[in-house]
Amino acid sequence: MASKCSRQENPYCLNDMGRGDAWRLFRIIAEFVEGFDALSTIDRPLVTVFGSARTPEDHPDYLLTREIGSRLAGYGYGIVTGGGPGIMEAANRGASEAGGMSIGLNIDLPFEQQGNPYVTLPLDFRYFFVRKVMFIKYCMAFICLPGGFGTLDELFEALTLIQTQKIKPFPIIMVGSSFWGGMVDWIKQQLVSGGKIAEEDLLLFEVMDNADEIVKYIRKTVVF
């Protein structure tokens, strides 16, 4: 017999549903409404950039991301990030410096995440799953720089939704073959060879290394 948990031990515990849970639904709905209202009227394609919040300003990944954000914004694309520091800041910074649309979907975290000053359209979220819907619903391409659990979470969420045909396919670019190469090899050796995914699922993403290649690919696949 499974042991009961308490909300003090686990905030997701279903054995201890309190009166506050019903009110929490209203906050969730409010976050959806705010996000839909803010993003549904944007008249240009949006490209999301993911990556580590811990990447310093002088790191090559930061500099590359800043260039990507600037160049895409110069071509009229809106740049969307999680709104925080590191890679997110770099993408927003590049877009802002180019005079483009720089959107930050910031998440409320107990540490690490603070809004960066280069966001021109900020939105704040408490719930990860609400923010994920905004990324998926309104963005037409994902660019994933090296990052941690959060970056991997967003990457595999998008891959899963496309693979299972829950959403229409869109470009997913993993930037940095030296960073992603080991994972891609593992996917081929363990998932494809083991029959966990189909070989054609490898076509759901691209691995690229430089801004020219990335910008050219986005312009070819996300046309407006």
N, C-alpha and C. Protein backbone atom coordinates (compact mmCIF):
# COMPACT_ATOMS: atom_id res chain seq x y z
N MET A 1 0.84 -1.20 0.00
CA MET A 1 0.00 0.00 0.00
C MET A 1 0.87 1.24 0.00
N ALA A 2 0.60 2.16 -0.91
CA ALA A 2 1.43 3.36 -1.01
C ALA A 2 1.23 4.24 0.21
N SER A 3 2.33 4.81 0.67
CA SER A 3 2.25 5.70 1.82
C SER A 3 1.74 7.07 1.38
N LYS A 4 1.05 7.72 2.29
CA LYS A 4 0.53 9.05 2.00
C LYS A 4 1.63 10.08 2.16
N CYS A 5 1.54 11.12 1.34
CA CYS A 5 2.50 12.21 1.47
C CYS A 5 1.75 13.44 1.97
N SER A 6 2.50 14.44 2.35
CA SER A 6 1.91 15.71 2.79
C SER A 6 2.44 16.82 1.91
N ARG A 7 1.70 17.92 1.85
CA ARG A 7 2.12 19.04 1.03
C ARG A 7 3.42 19.64 1.54
N GLN A 8 3.71 19.52 2.83
CA GLN A 8 4.97 20.02 3.36
C GLN A 8 6.14 19.23 2.78
N GLU A 9 5.93 17.93 2.53
CA GLU A 9 6.98 17.09 1.97
C GLU A 9 7.08 17.25 0.46
N ASN A 10 5.94 17.42 -0.21
CA ASN A 10 5.91 17.46 -1.66
C ASN A 10 4.77 18.37 -2.11
N PRO A 11 5.09 19.51 -2.72
CA PRO A 11 4.04 20.46 -3.12
C PRO A 11 3.10 19.91 -4.19
N TYR A 12 3.48 18.79 -4.87
CA TYR A 12 2.64 18.20 -5.90
C TYR A 12 1.81 17.03 -5.36
N CYS A 13 1.83 16.82 -4.07
CA CYS A 13 1.14 15.69 -3.46
C CYS A 13 -0.37 15.76 -3.73
N LEU A 14 -0.94 14.65 -4.21
CA LEU A 14 -2.37 14.60 -4.50
C LEU A 14 -3.19 14.08 -3.33
N ASN A 15 -2.51 13.62 -2.27
CA ASN A 15 -3.24 13.10 -1.11
C ASN A 15 -3.60 14.20 -0.11
N ASP A 16 -3.16 15.40 -0.40
CA ASP A 16 -3.34 16.49 0.55
C ASP A 16 -3.79 17.75 -0.18
N MET A 17 -4.88 17.63 -0.94
CA MET A 17 -5.38 18.76 -1.71
C MET A 17 -6.08 19.75 -0.78
N GLY A 18 -5.56 20.95 -0.73
CA GLY A 18 -6.14 21.95 0.14
C GLY A 18 -7.07 22.89 -0.60
N ARG A 19 -7.71 23.77 0.17
CA ARG A 19 -8.65 24.72 -0.44
C ARG A 19 -7.93 25.67 -1.39
N GLY A 20 -6.63 25.89 -1.16
CA GLY A 20 -5.89 26.81 -2.02
C GLY A 20 -5.70 26.31 -3.43
N ASP A 21 -5.87 24.99 -3.64
CA ASP A 21 -5.65 24.44 -4.98
C ASP A 21 -6.69 24.96 -5.97
N ALA A 22 -7.91 25.13 -5.55
CA ALA A 22 -8.94 25.66 -6.45
C ALA A 22 -8.61 27.08 -6.87
N TRP A 23 -8.15 27.89 -5.92
CA TRP A 23 -7.78 29.26 -6.24
C TRP A 23 -6.55 29.32 -7.13
N ARG A 24 -5.68 28.32 -6.99
CA ARG A 24 -4.48 28.28 -7.84
C ARG A 24 -4.86 28.16 -9.31
N LEU A 25 -5.97 27.52 -9.60
CA LEU A 25 -6.42 27.40 -10.98
C LEU A 25 -6.68 28.77 -11.61
N PHE A 26 -7.19 29.70 -10.81
CA PHE A 26 -7.45 31.04 -11.34
C PHE A 26 -6.15 31.74 -11.71
N ARG A 27 -5.12 31.52 -10.91
CA ARG A 27 -3.83 32.13 -11.24
C ARG A 27 -3.26 31.52 -12.51
N ILE A 28 -3.41 30.22 -12.67
CA ILE A 28 -2.94 29.55 -13.88
C ILE A 28 -3.68 30.09 -15.10
N ILE A 29 -4.99 30.20 -14.99
CA ILE A 29 -5.79 30.75 -16.10
C ILE A 29 -5.35 32.17 -16.41
N ALA A 30 -5.12 32.97 -15.37
CA ALA A 30 -4.70 34.37 -15.57
C ALA A 30 -3.38 34.44 -16.33
N GLU A 31 -2.45 33.52 -16.02
CA GLU A 31 -1.18 33.51 -16.73
C GLU A 31 -1.37 33.16 -18.20
N PHE A 32 -2.25 32.20 -18.48
CA PHE A 32 -2.54 31.87 -19.87
C PHE A 32 -3.13 33.08 -20.60
N VAL A 33 -4.11 33.73 -19.99
CA VAL A 33 -4.78 34.86 -20.62
C VAL A 33 -3.78 35.99 -20.89
N GLU A 34 -2.94 36.30 -19.91
CA GLU A 34 -1.96 37.37 -20.08
C GLU A 34 -0.99 37.04 -21.22
N GLY A 35 -0.52 35.80 -21.26
CA GLY A 35 0.40 35.40 -22.31
C GLY A 35 -0.24 35.43 -23.69
N PHE A 36 -1.46 34.88 -23.79
CA PHE A 36 -2.16 34.89 -25.08
C PHE A 36 -2.40 36.31 -25.57
N ASP A 37 -2.84 37.18 -24.67
CA ASP A 37 -3.14 38.56 -25.06
C ASP A 37 -1.89 39.29 -25.54
N ALA A 38 -0.77 39.05 -24.88
CA ALA A 38 0.46 39.77 -25.21
C ALA A 38 1.10 39.28 -26.51
N LEU A 39 1.03 37.97 -26.76
CA LEU A 39 1.78 37.39 -27.87
C LEU A 39 0.96 37.19 -29.13
N SER A 40 -0.35 37.11 -29.00
CA SER A 40 -1.19 36.78 -30.16
C SER A 40 -1.26 37.90 -31.19
N THR A 41 -0.96 39.12 -30.80
CA THR A 41 -1.08 40.25 -31.71
C THR A 41 0.25 40.61 -32.39
N ILE A 42 1.31 39.90 -32.09
CA ILE A 42 2.62 40.20 -32.68
C ILE A 42 2.59 39.84 -34.17
N ASP A 43 3.07 40.76 -34.99
CA ASP A 43 2.91 40.63 -36.44
C ASP A 43 4.18 40.17 -37.15
N ARG A 44 5.06 39.46 -36.45
CA ARG A 44 6.28 38.96 -37.08
C ARG A 44 6.61 37.59 -36.52
N PRO A 45 7.36 36.78 -37.24
CA PRO A 45 7.72 35.46 -36.71
C PRO A 45 8.67 35.57 -35.52
N LEU A 46 8.45 34.73 -34.55
CA LEU A 46 9.26 34.74 -33.34
C LEU A 46 10.18 33.53 -33.31
N VAL A 47 11.41 33.76 -32.90
CA VAL A 47 12.40 32.70 -32.76
C VAL A 47 12.84 32.66 -31.30
N THR A 48 12.76 31.48 -30.70
CA THR A 48 13.15 31.33 -29.30
C THR A 48 14.60 30.88 -29.22
N VAL A 49 15.33 31.48 -28.28
CA VAL A 49 16.71 31.09 -28.02
C VAL A 49 16.80 30.58 -26.58
N PHE A 50 17.28 29.35 -26.43
CA PHE A 50 17.47 28.73 -25.12
C PHE A 50 18.96 28.59 -24.83
N GLY A 51 19.29 28.46 -23.57
CA GLY A 51 20.68 28.22 -23.18
C GLY A 51 20.88 28.52 -21.72
N SER A 52 22.06 28.28 -21.25
CA SER A 52 22.36 28.38 -19.83
C SER A 52 22.26 29.80 -19.30
N ALA A 53 21.63 29.92 -18.13
CA ALA A 53 21.58 31.21 -17.43
C ALA A 53 22.93 31.53 -16.78
N ARG A 54 23.85 30.58 -16.76
CA ARG A 54 25.12 30.75 -16.05
C ARG A 54 26.28 31.08 -16.98
N THR A 55 25.99 31.33 -18.24
CA THR A 55 27.05 31.65 -19.20
C THR A 55 27.51 33.10 -19.01
N PRO A 56 28.79 33.34 -18.75
CA PRO A 56 29.27 34.71 -18.51
C PRO A 56 29.34 35.53 -19.80
N GLU A 57 29.42 36.83 -19.62
CA GLU A 57 29.35 37.77 -20.73
C GLU A 57 30.51 37.62 -21.71
N ASP A 58 31.67 37.18 -21.25
CA ASP A 58 32.84 37.07 -22.12
C ASP A 58 33.00 35.68 -22.73
N HIS A 59 32.04 34.80 -22.52
CA HIS A 59 32.13 33.43 -23.05
C HIS A 59 31.80 33.43 -24.55
N PRO A 60 32.47 32.59 -25.33
CA PRO A 60 32.18 32.52 -26.77
C PRO A 60 30.71 32.23 -27.08
N ASP A 61 30.05 31.42 -26.24
CA ASP A 61 28.63 31.15 -26.47
C ASP A 61 27.78 32.41 -26.32
N TYR A 62 28.13 33.25 -25.36
CA TYR A 62 27.42 34.51 -25.15
C TYR A 62 27.59 35.40 -26.38
N LEU A 63 28.83 35.53 -26.84
CA LEU A 63 29.12 36.40 -27.97
C LEU A 63 28.43 35.91 -29.24
N LEU A 64 28.43 34.59 -29.45
CA LEU A 64 27.76 34.02 -30.61
C LEU A 64 26.26 34.26 -30.54
N THR A 65 25.68 34.06 -29.37
CA THR A 65 24.23 34.25 -29.20
C THR A 65 23.84 35.70 -29.43
N ARG A 66 24.64 36.60 -28.93
CA ARG A 66 24.37 38.03 -29.13
C ARG A 66 24.36 38.37 -30.61
N GLU A 67 25.32 37.80 -31.36
CA GLU A 67 25.37 38.03 -32.81
C GLU A 67 24.14 37.45 -33.50
N ILE A 68 23.76 36.23 -33.11
CA ILE A 68 22.58 35.60 -33.71
C ILE A 68 21.33 36.44 -33.46
N GLY A 69 21.15 36.88 -32.21
CA GLY A 69 19.99 37.70 -31.87
C GLY A 69 19.95 38.99 -32.66
N SER A 70 21.11 39.62 -32.82
CA SER A 70 21.19 40.88 -33.54
C SER A 70 20.88 40.70 -35.02
N ARG A 71 21.44 39.67 -35.61
CA ARG A 71 21.25 39.46 -37.05
C ARG A 71 19.83 39.04 -37.38
N LEU A 72 19.24 38.18 -36.57
CA LEU A 72 17.86 37.79 -36.82
C LEU A 72 16.91 38.97 -36.63
N ALA A 73 17.16 39.78 -35.60
CA ALA A 73 16.32 40.96 -35.38
C ALA A 73 16.45 41.94 -36.54
N GLY A 74 17.65 42.02 -37.10
CA GLY A 74 17.87 42.90 -38.24
C GLY A 74 17.07 42.48 -39.47
N TYR A 75 16.76 41.19 -39.55
CA TYR A 75 15.95 40.68 -40.65
C TYR A 75 14.45 40.69 -40.33
N GLY A 76 14.10 41.20 -39.15
CA GLY A 76 12.69 41.35 -38.81
C GLY A 76 12.10 40.30 -37.91
N TYR A 77 12.90 39.33 -37.47
CA TYR A 77 12.40 38.32 -36.56
C TYR A 77 12.36 38.85 -35.13
N GLY A 78 11.35 38.45 -34.39
CA GLY A 78 11.32 38.75 -32.97
C GLY A 78 12.08 37.68 -32.21
N ILE A 79 12.82 38.09 -31.18
CA ILE A 79 13.61 37.16 -30.38
C ILE A 79 12.93 36.93 -29.04
N VAL A 80 12.75 35.68 -28.70
CA VAL A 80 12.11 35.30 -27.44
C VAL A 80 13.08 34.46 -26.62
N THR A 81 13.18 34.76 -25.34
CA THR A 81 14.01 33.95 -24.44
C THR A 81 13.24 33.75 -23.13
N GLY A 82 13.89 33.06 -22.21
CA GLY A 82 13.33 32.91 -20.88
C GLY A 82 13.47 34.16 -20.03
N GLY A 83 14.09 35.20 -20.59
CA GLY A 83 14.14 36.50 -19.93
C GLY A 83 15.22 36.67 -18.89
N GLY A 84 16.01 35.63 -18.63
CA GLY A 84 17.00 35.69 -17.57
C GLY A 84 18.38 36.09 -18.05
N PRO A 85 19.40 35.76 -17.25
CA PRO A 85 20.79 36.11 -17.59
C PRO A 85 21.42 35.10 -18.54
N GLY A 86 22.73 35.23 -18.74
CA GLY A 86 23.47 34.26 -19.54
C GLY A 86 23.09 34.30 -21.01
N ILE A 87 22.84 33.14 -21.59
CA ILE A 87 22.49 33.02 -23.00
C ILE A 87 21.22 33.80 -23.31
N MET A 88 20.26 33.78 -22.40
CA MET A 88 19.02 34.51 -22.60
C MET A 88 19.29 36.00 -22.73
N GLU A 89 20.11 36.52 -21.84
CA GLU A 89 20.48 37.94 -21.90
C GLU A 89 21.17 38.26 -23.22
N ALA A 90 22.07 37.38 -23.65
CA ALA A 90 22.82 37.62 -24.88
C ALA A 90 21.88 37.75 -26.08
N ALA A 91 20.91 36.86 -26.18
CA ALA A 91 19.97 36.92 -27.31
C ALA A 91 19.12 38.17 -27.24
N ASN A 92 18.59 38.49 -26.07
CA ASN A 92 17.80 39.71 -25.91
C ASN A 92 18.65 40.96 -26.17
N ARG A 93 19.87 40.91 -25.75
CA ARG A 93 20.77 42.05 -25.95
C ARG A 93 21.03 42.30 -27.42
N GLY A 94 21.32 41.24 -28.16
CA GLY A 94 21.54 41.39 -29.58
C GLY A 94 20.33 41.95 -30.30
N ALA A 95 19.16 41.43 -29.95
CA ALA A 95 17.93 41.91 -30.58
C ALA A 95 17.66 43.36 -30.24
N SER A 96 17.86 43.73 -28.99
CA SER A 96 17.61 45.10 -28.55
C SER A 96 18.57 46.07 -29.22
N GLU A 97 19.83 45.69 -29.30
CA GLU A 97 20.83 46.56 -29.91
C GLU A 97 20.56 46.77 -31.40
N ALA A 98 19.91 45.78 -32.03
CA ALA A 98 19.57 45.90 -33.45
C ALA A 98 18.25 46.63 -33.66
N GLY A 99 17.63 47.07 -32.57
CA GLY A 99 16.35 47.78 -32.67
C GLY A 99 15.18 46.86 -32.93
N GLY A 100 15.35 45.58 -32.62
CA GLY A 100 14.29 44.61 -32.89
C GLY A 100 13.44 44.30 -31.67
N MET A 101 12.51 43.38 -31.85
CA MET A 101 11.63 42.96 -30.76
C MET A 101 12.36 41.96 -29.88
N SER A 102 12.41 42.25 -28.58
CA SER A 102 13.14 41.43 -27.63
C SER A 102 12.21 41.05 -26.49
N ILE A 103 11.76 39.79 -26.48
CA ILE A 103 10.74 39.32 -25.56
C ILE A 103 11.36 38.41 -24.51
N GLY A 104 10.96 38.58 -23.27
CA GLY A 104 11.45 37.73 -22.20
C GLY A 104 10.31 37.11 -21.42
N LEU A 105 10.22 35.78 -21.44
CA LEU A 105 9.19 35.08 -20.67
C LEU A 105 9.85 34.59 -19.38
N ASN A 106 9.89 35.44 -18.42
CA ASN A 106 10.63 35.18 -17.19
C ASN A 106 9.87 34.22 -16.27
N ILE A 107 10.61 33.36 -15.59
CA ILE A 107 10.01 32.40 -14.66
C ILE A 107 10.41 32.76 -13.25
N ASP A 108 9.48 32.64 -12.33
CA ASP A 108 9.73 32.95 -10.92
C ASP A 108 10.44 31.77 -10.27
N LEU A 109 11.72 31.95 -9.95
CA LEU A 109 12.52 30.91 -9.32
C LEU A 109 13.11 31.42 -8.01
N PRO A 110 13.38 30.52 -7.06
CA PRO A 110 13.94 30.95 -5.78
C PRO A 110 15.40 31.38 -5.88
N PHE A 111 16.06 31.07 -7.01
CA PHE A 111 17.45 31.48 -7.19
C PHE A 111 17.74 31.59 -8.67
N GLU A 112 18.78 32.27 -9.01
CA GLU A 112 19.36 32.30 -10.35
C GLU A 112 18.62 33.17 -11.35
N GLN A 113 17.32 33.08 -11.44
CA GLN A 113 16.60 33.75 -12.51
C GLN A 113 16.19 35.16 -12.11
N GLN A 114 16.77 36.14 -12.81
CA GLN A 114 16.36 37.54 -12.69
C GLN A 114 16.24 38.09 -14.10
N GLY A 115 15.26 38.97 -14.29
CA GLY A 115 15.05 39.51 -15.61
C GLY A 115 16.25 40.31 -16.08
N ASN A 116 16.61 40.17 -17.36
CA ASN A 116 17.73 40.95 -17.89
C ASN A 116 17.22 42.29 -18.43
N PRO A 117 18.10 43.30 -18.53
CA PRO A 117 17.65 44.65 -18.89
C PRO A 117 17.43 44.88 -20.37
N TYR A 118 17.60 43.85 -21.20
CA TYR A 118 17.50 44.03 -22.64
C TYR A 118 16.16 43.57 -23.21
N VAL A 119 15.25 43.20 -22.33
CA VAL A 119 13.91 42.77 -22.76
C VAL A 119 13.03 44.00 -22.96
N THR A 120 12.38 44.08 -24.11
CA THR A 120 11.47 45.19 -24.37
C THR A 120 10.01 44.81 -24.13
N LEU A 121 9.73 43.51 -24.15
CA LEU A 121 8.39 43.02 -23.80
C LEU A 121 8.54 41.92 -22.77
N PRO A 122 8.43 42.26 -21.47
CA PRO A 122 8.58 41.24 -20.43
C PRO A 122 7.24 40.63 -20.03
N LEU A 123 7.26 39.33 -19.78
CA LEU A 123 6.11 38.63 -19.21
C LEU A 123 6.63 37.73 -18.10
N ASP A 124 5.93 37.71 -17.00
CA ASP A 124 6.36 36.92 -15.85
C ASP A 124 5.43 35.74 -15.62
N PHE A 125 6.03 34.58 -15.34
CA PHE A 125 5.27 33.36 -15.12
C PHE A 125 5.72 32.69 -13.83
N ARG A 126 4.77 32.07 -13.17
CA ARG A 126 5.09 31.27 -11.99
C ARG A 126 5.19 29.79 -12.36
N TYR A 127 4.44 29.39 -13.39
CA TYR A 127 4.33 27.97 -13.72
C TYR A 127 5.08 27.67 -15.01
N PHE A 128 5.98 26.70 -14.93
CA PHE A 128 6.76 26.31 -16.09
C PHE A 128 5.88 25.86 -17.25
N PHE A 129 4.84 25.09 -16.95
CA PHE A 129 4.04 24.52 -18.03
C PHE A 129 3.28 25.59 -18.80
N VAL A 130 2.90 26.68 -18.12
CA VAL A 130 2.23 27.78 -18.83
C VAL A 130 3.23 28.46 -19.77
N ARG A 131 4.43 28.69 -19.26
CA ARG A 131 5.46 29.33 -20.09
C ARG A 131 5.81 28.45 -21.29
N LYS A 132 5.85 27.13 -21.08
CA LYS A 132 6.14 26.23 -22.20
C LYS A 132 5.11 26.37 -23.31
N VAL A 133 3.85 26.51 -22.95
CA VAL A 133 2.81 26.68 -23.95
C VAL A 133 3.07 27.92 -24.80
N MET A 134 3.53 28.99 -24.15
CA MET A 134 3.80 30.24 -24.88
C MET A 134 4.94 30.04 -25.88
N PHE A 135 6.00 29.37 -25.45
CA PHE A 135 7.11 29.09 -26.36
C PHE A 135 6.65 28.28 -27.57
N ILE A 136 5.90 27.23 -27.31
CA ILE A 136 5.49 26.32 -28.37
C ILE A 136 4.45 26.95 -29.29
N LYS A 137 3.50 27.65 -28.73
CA LYS A 137 2.37 28.17 -29.50
C LYS A 137 2.77 29.32 -30.42
N TYR A 138 3.68 30.19 -29.95
CA TYR A 138 3.92 31.42 -30.69
C TYR A 138 5.27 31.51 -31.38
N CYS A 139 6.16 30.58 -31.14
CA CYS A 139 7.48 30.64 -31.75
C CYS A 139 7.58 29.68 -32.92
N MET A 140 8.29 30.10 -33.96
CA MET A 140 8.36 29.34 -35.20
C MET A 140 9.70 28.63 -35.39
N ALA A 141 10.61 28.78 -34.44
CA ALA A 141 11.89 28.07 -34.48
C ALA A 141 12.51 28.11 -33.10
N PHE A 142 13.25 27.06 -32.77
CA PHE A 142 14.00 27.00 -31.50
C PHE A 142 15.49 26.94 -31.83
N ILE A 143 16.26 27.77 -31.14
CA ILE A 143 17.72 27.72 -31.22
C ILE A 143 18.23 27.39 -29.82
N CYS A 144 18.89 26.26 -29.68
CA CYS A 144 19.33 25.78 -28.37
C CYS A 144 20.85 25.86 -28.24
N LEU A 145 21.32 26.78 -27.43
CA LEU A 145 22.73 26.87 -27.10
C LEU A 145 23.03 25.92 -25.94
N PRO A 146 24.30 25.68 -25.63
CA PRO A 146 24.63 24.83 -24.48
C PRO A 146 23.94 25.31 -23.20
N GLY A 147 23.34 24.38 -22.49
CA GLY A 147 22.64 24.72 -21.26
C GLY A 147 22.47 23.50 -20.38
N GLY A 148 21.70 23.67 -19.32
CA GLY A 148 21.50 22.61 -18.35
C GLY A 148 20.15 21.94 -18.48
N PHE A 149 19.58 21.56 -17.33
CA PHE A 149 18.33 20.82 -17.32
C PHE A 149 17.20 21.59 -18.01
N GLY A 150 17.13 22.90 -17.78
CA GLY A 150 16.06 23.68 -18.37
C GLY A 150 16.11 23.67 -19.89
N THR A 151 17.32 23.83 -20.44
CA THR A 151 17.49 23.81 -21.89
C THR A 151 17.12 22.44 -22.46
N LEU A 152 17.58 21.38 -21.80
CA LEU A 152 17.25 20.03 -22.25
C LEU A 152 15.75 19.77 -22.16
N ASP A 153 15.13 20.28 -21.12
CA ASP A 153 13.69 20.11 -20.94
C ASP A 153 12.93 20.72 -22.11
N GLU A 154 13.25 21.96 -22.46
CA GLU A 154 12.56 22.63 -23.55
C GLU A 154 12.86 21.95 -24.89
N LEU A 155 14.10 21.53 -25.08
CA LEU A 155 14.49 20.87 -26.32
C LEU A 155 13.70 19.58 -26.53
N PHE A 156 13.69 18.70 -25.52
CA PHE A 156 13.03 17.42 -25.69
C PHE A 156 11.50 17.54 -25.65
N GLU A 157 10.99 18.57 -25.00
CA GLU A 157 9.55 18.82 -25.06
C GLU A 157 9.13 19.08 -26.50
N ALA A 158 9.88 19.96 -27.17
CA ALA A 158 9.56 20.30 -28.56
C ALA A 158 9.73 19.09 -29.47
N LEU A 159 10.81 18.34 -29.30
CA LEU A 159 11.04 17.16 -30.12
C LEU A 159 9.92 16.13 -29.94
N THR A 160 9.49 15.96 -28.70
CA THR A 160 8.42 14.99 -28.42
C THR A 160 7.10 15.41 -29.07
N LEU A 161 6.76 16.68 -28.96
CA LEU A 161 5.50 17.16 -29.53
C LEU A 161 5.49 17.05 -31.05
N ILE A 162 6.64 17.32 -31.67
CA ILE A 162 6.72 17.18 -33.13
C ILE A 162 6.69 15.71 -33.52
N GLN A 163 7.46 14.88 -32.81
CA GLN A 163 7.51 13.45 -33.12
C GLN A 163 6.14 12.80 -33.02
N THR A 164 5.36 13.21 -32.02
CA THR A 164 4.04 12.61 -31.80
C THR A 164 2.94 13.34 -32.56
N GLN A 165 3.33 14.30 -33.41
CA GLN A 165 2.42 15.04 -34.27
C GLN A 165 1.37 15.83 -33.49
N LYS A 166 1.74 16.26 -32.30
CA LYS A 166 0.85 17.14 -31.53
C LYS A 166 0.96 18.58 -31.99
N ILE A 167 2.08 18.91 -32.61
CA ILE A 167 2.25 20.24 -33.20
C ILE A 167 2.89 20.07 -34.57
N LYS A 168 2.79 21.09 -35.40
CA LYS A 168 3.43 21.06 -36.71
C LYS A 168 4.94 21.19 -36.55
N PRO A 169 5.70 20.53 -37.41
CA PRO A 169 7.17 20.63 -37.31
C PRO A 169 7.66 22.06 -37.51
N PHE A 170 8.70 22.43 -36.78
CA PHE A 170 9.37 23.71 -36.98
C PHE A 170 10.87 23.50 -36.74
N PRO A 171 11.70 24.40 -37.22
CA PRO A 171 13.14 24.21 -37.10
C PRO A 171 13.62 24.18 -35.65
N ILE A 172 14.44 23.19 -35.34
CA ILE A 172 15.11 23.10 -34.05
C ILE A 172 16.60 22.99 -34.32
N ILE A 173 17.34 23.98 -33.86
CA ILE A 173 18.77 24.04 -34.10
C ILE A 173 19.51 23.92 -32.78
N MET A 174 20.40 22.95 -32.69
CA MET A 174 21.26 22.79 -31.52
C MET A 174 22.63 23.36 -31.88
N VAL A 175 23.03 24.40 -31.18
CA VAL A 175 24.23 25.15 -31.54
C VAL A 175 25.43 24.64 -30.75
N GLY A 176 26.45 24.18 -31.48
CA GLY A 176 27.67 23.73 -30.84
C GLY A 176 27.86 22.24 -30.94
N SER A 177 28.51 21.78 -32.02
CA SER A 177 28.68 20.34 -32.22
C SER A 177 29.55 19.72 -31.13
N SER A 178 30.49 20.49 -30.57
CA SER A 178 31.34 19.93 -29.51
C SER A 178 30.54 19.68 -28.24
N PHE A 179 29.50 20.48 -28.00
CA PHE A 179 28.66 20.31 -26.81
C PHE A 179 27.61 19.22 -27.04
N TRP A 180 26.91 19.28 -28.16
CA TRP A 180 25.78 18.39 -28.41
C TRP A 180 26.19 17.07 -29.05
N GLY A 181 27.42 17.00 -29.59
CA GLY A 181 27.83 15.83 -30.34
C GLY A 181 27.73 14.53 -29.56
N GLY A 182 28.16 14.55 -28.29
CA GLY A 182 28.09 13.34 -27.48
C GLY A 182 26.66 12.87 -27.27
N MET A 183 25.76 13.81 -27.07
CA MET A 183 24.36 13.45 -26.88
C MET A 183 23.75 12.90 -28.16
N VAL A 184 24.11 13.51 -29.29
CA VAL A 184 23.59 13.02 -30.57
C VAL A 184 24.11 11.61 -30.84
N ASP A 185 25.38 11.36 -30.54
CA ASP A 185 25.94 10.01 -30.71
C ASP A 185 25.19 9.01 -29.82
N TRP A 186 24.90 9.41 -28.60
CA TRP A 186 24.16 8.54 -27.68
C TRP A 186 22.75 8.26 -28.21
N ILE A 187 22.10 9.28 -28.75
CA ILE A 187 20.77 9.09 -29.32
C ILE A 187 20.83 8.07 -30.46
N LYS A 188 21.84 8.19 -31.31
CA LYS A 188 21.98 7.25 -32.42
C LYS A 188 22.27 5.83 -31.93
N GLN A 189 23.21 5.73 -30.98
CA GLN A 189 23.67 4.41 -30.53
C GLN A 189 22.66 3.70 -29.63
N GLN A 190 21.97 4.47 -28.80
CA GLN A 190 21.07 3.87 -27.83
C GLN A 190 19.61 3.93 -28.25
N LEU A 191 19.15 5.07 -28.71
CA LEU A 191 17.73 5.22 -29.02
C LEU A 191 17.37 4.67 -30.40
N VAL A 192 18.16 5.06 -31.40
CA VAL A 192 17.87 4.57 -32.76
C VAL A 192 18.21 3.09 -32.87
N SER A 193 19.43 2.73 -32.51
CA SER A 193 19.86 1.33 -32.64
C SER A 193 19.03 0.41 -31.74
N GLY A 194 18.58 0.93 -30.62
CA GLY A 194 17.77 0.13 -29.71
C GLY A 194 16.29 0.11 -30.04
N GLY A 195 15.90 0.78 -31.12
CA GLY A 195 14.51 0.78 -31.52
C GLY A 195 13.61 1.65 -30.67
N LYS A 196 14.21 2.57 -29.91
CA LYS A 196 13.39 3.45 -29.05
C LYS A 196 12.78 4.60 -29.84
N ILE A 197 13.49 5.03 -30.88
CA ILE A 197 12.96 6.03 -31.81
C ILE A 197 13.30 5.57 -33.22
N ALA A 198 12.66 6.18 -34.21
CA ALA A 198 12.93 5.84 -35.60
C ALA A 198 14.11 6.65 -36.11
N GLU A 199 14.78 6.14 -37.10
CA GLU A 199 15.94 6.85 -37.65
C GLU A 199 15.55 8.20 -38.22
N GLU A 200 14.34 8.30 -38.79
CA GLU A 200 13.92 9.58 -39.35
C GLU A 200 13.68 10.64 -38.28
N ASP A 201 13.58 10.24 -37.01
CA ASP A 201 13.44 11.22 -35.94
C ASP A 201 14.69 12.08 -35.81
N LEU A 202 15.81 11.60 -36.33
CA LEU A 202 17.03 12.39 -36.31
C LEU A 202 16.91 13.62 -37.20
N LEU A 203 15.93 13.62 -38.10
CA LEU A 203 15.72 14.76 -38.99
C LEU A 203 14.96 15.89 -38.31
N LEU A 204 14.53 15.68 -37.08
CA LEU A 204 13.76 16.70 -36.37
C LEU A 204 14.62 17.85 -35.88
N PHE A 205 15.93 17.68 -35.89
CA PHE A 205 16.82 18.74 -35.41
C PHE A 205 18.06 18.84 -36.29
N GLU A 206 18.71 19.99 -36.19
CA GLU A 206 19.97 20.24 -36.89
C GLU A 206 21.01 20.67 -35.87
N VAL A 207 22.25 20.33 -36.12
CA VAL A 207 23.37 20.78 -35.28
C VAL A 207 24.22 21.73 -36.11
N MET A 208 24.43 22.94 -35.60
CA MET A 208 25.18 23.96 -36.34
C MET A 208 26.15 24.66 -35.40
N ASP A 209 27.11 25.37 -36.00
CA ASP A 209 28.17 25.96 -35.19
C ASP A 209 28.38 27.45 -35.37
N ASN A 210 27.94 28.04 -36.45
CA ASN A 210 28.26 29.46 -36.66
C ASN A 210 27.02 30.27 -37.02
N ALA A 211 27.12 31.57 -36.82
CA ALA A 211 25.97 32.45 -37.00
C ALA A 211 25.51 32.48 -38.45
N ASP A 212 26.43 32.47 -39.40
CA ASP A 212 26.04 32.51 -40.81
C ASP A 212 25.13 31.35 -41.17
N GLU A 213 25.53 30.16 -40.75
CA GLU A 213 24.77 28.95 -41.05
C GLU A 213 23.39 29.00 -40.39
N ILE A 214 23.36 29.44 -39.14
CA ILE A 214 22.11 29.48 -38.38
C ILE A 214 21.13 30.49 -38.97
N VAL A 215 21.61 31.69 -39.22
CA VAL A 215 20.74 32.74 -39.75
C VAL A 215 20.23 32.36 -41.13
N LYS A 216 21.10 31.81 -41.96
CA LYS A 216 20.69 31.38 -43.29
C LYS A 216 19.60 30.32 -43.22
N TYR A 217 19.76 29.38 -42.30
CA TYR A 217 18.78 28.30 -42.16
C TYR A 217 17.43 28.83 -41.67
N ILE A 218 17.45 29.74 -40.71
CA ILE A 218 16.21 30.33 -40.21
C ILE A 218 15.51 31.10 -41.33
N ARG A 219 16.25 31.87 -42.09
CA ARG A 219 15.65 32.65 -43.15
C ARG A 219 15.07 31.76 -44.25
N LYS A 220 15.65 30.59 -44.45
CA LYS A 220 15.16 29.67 -45.47
C LYS A 220 13.92 28.92 -45.01
N THR A 221 13.84 28.62 -43.72
CA THR A 221 12.76 27.76 -43.21
C THR A 221 11.62 28.54 -42.54
N VAL A 222 11.90 29.74 -42.08
CA VAL A 222 10.87 30.57 -41.45
C VAL A 222 10.70 31.82 -42.31
N VAL A 223 9.85 31.71 -43.31
CA VAL A 223 9.71 32.75 -44.32
C VAL A 223 8.49 33.62 -44.00
N PHE A 224 8.66 34.93 -44.22
CA PHE A 224 7.53 35.84 -44.04
C PHE A 224 7.66 37.02 -44.98
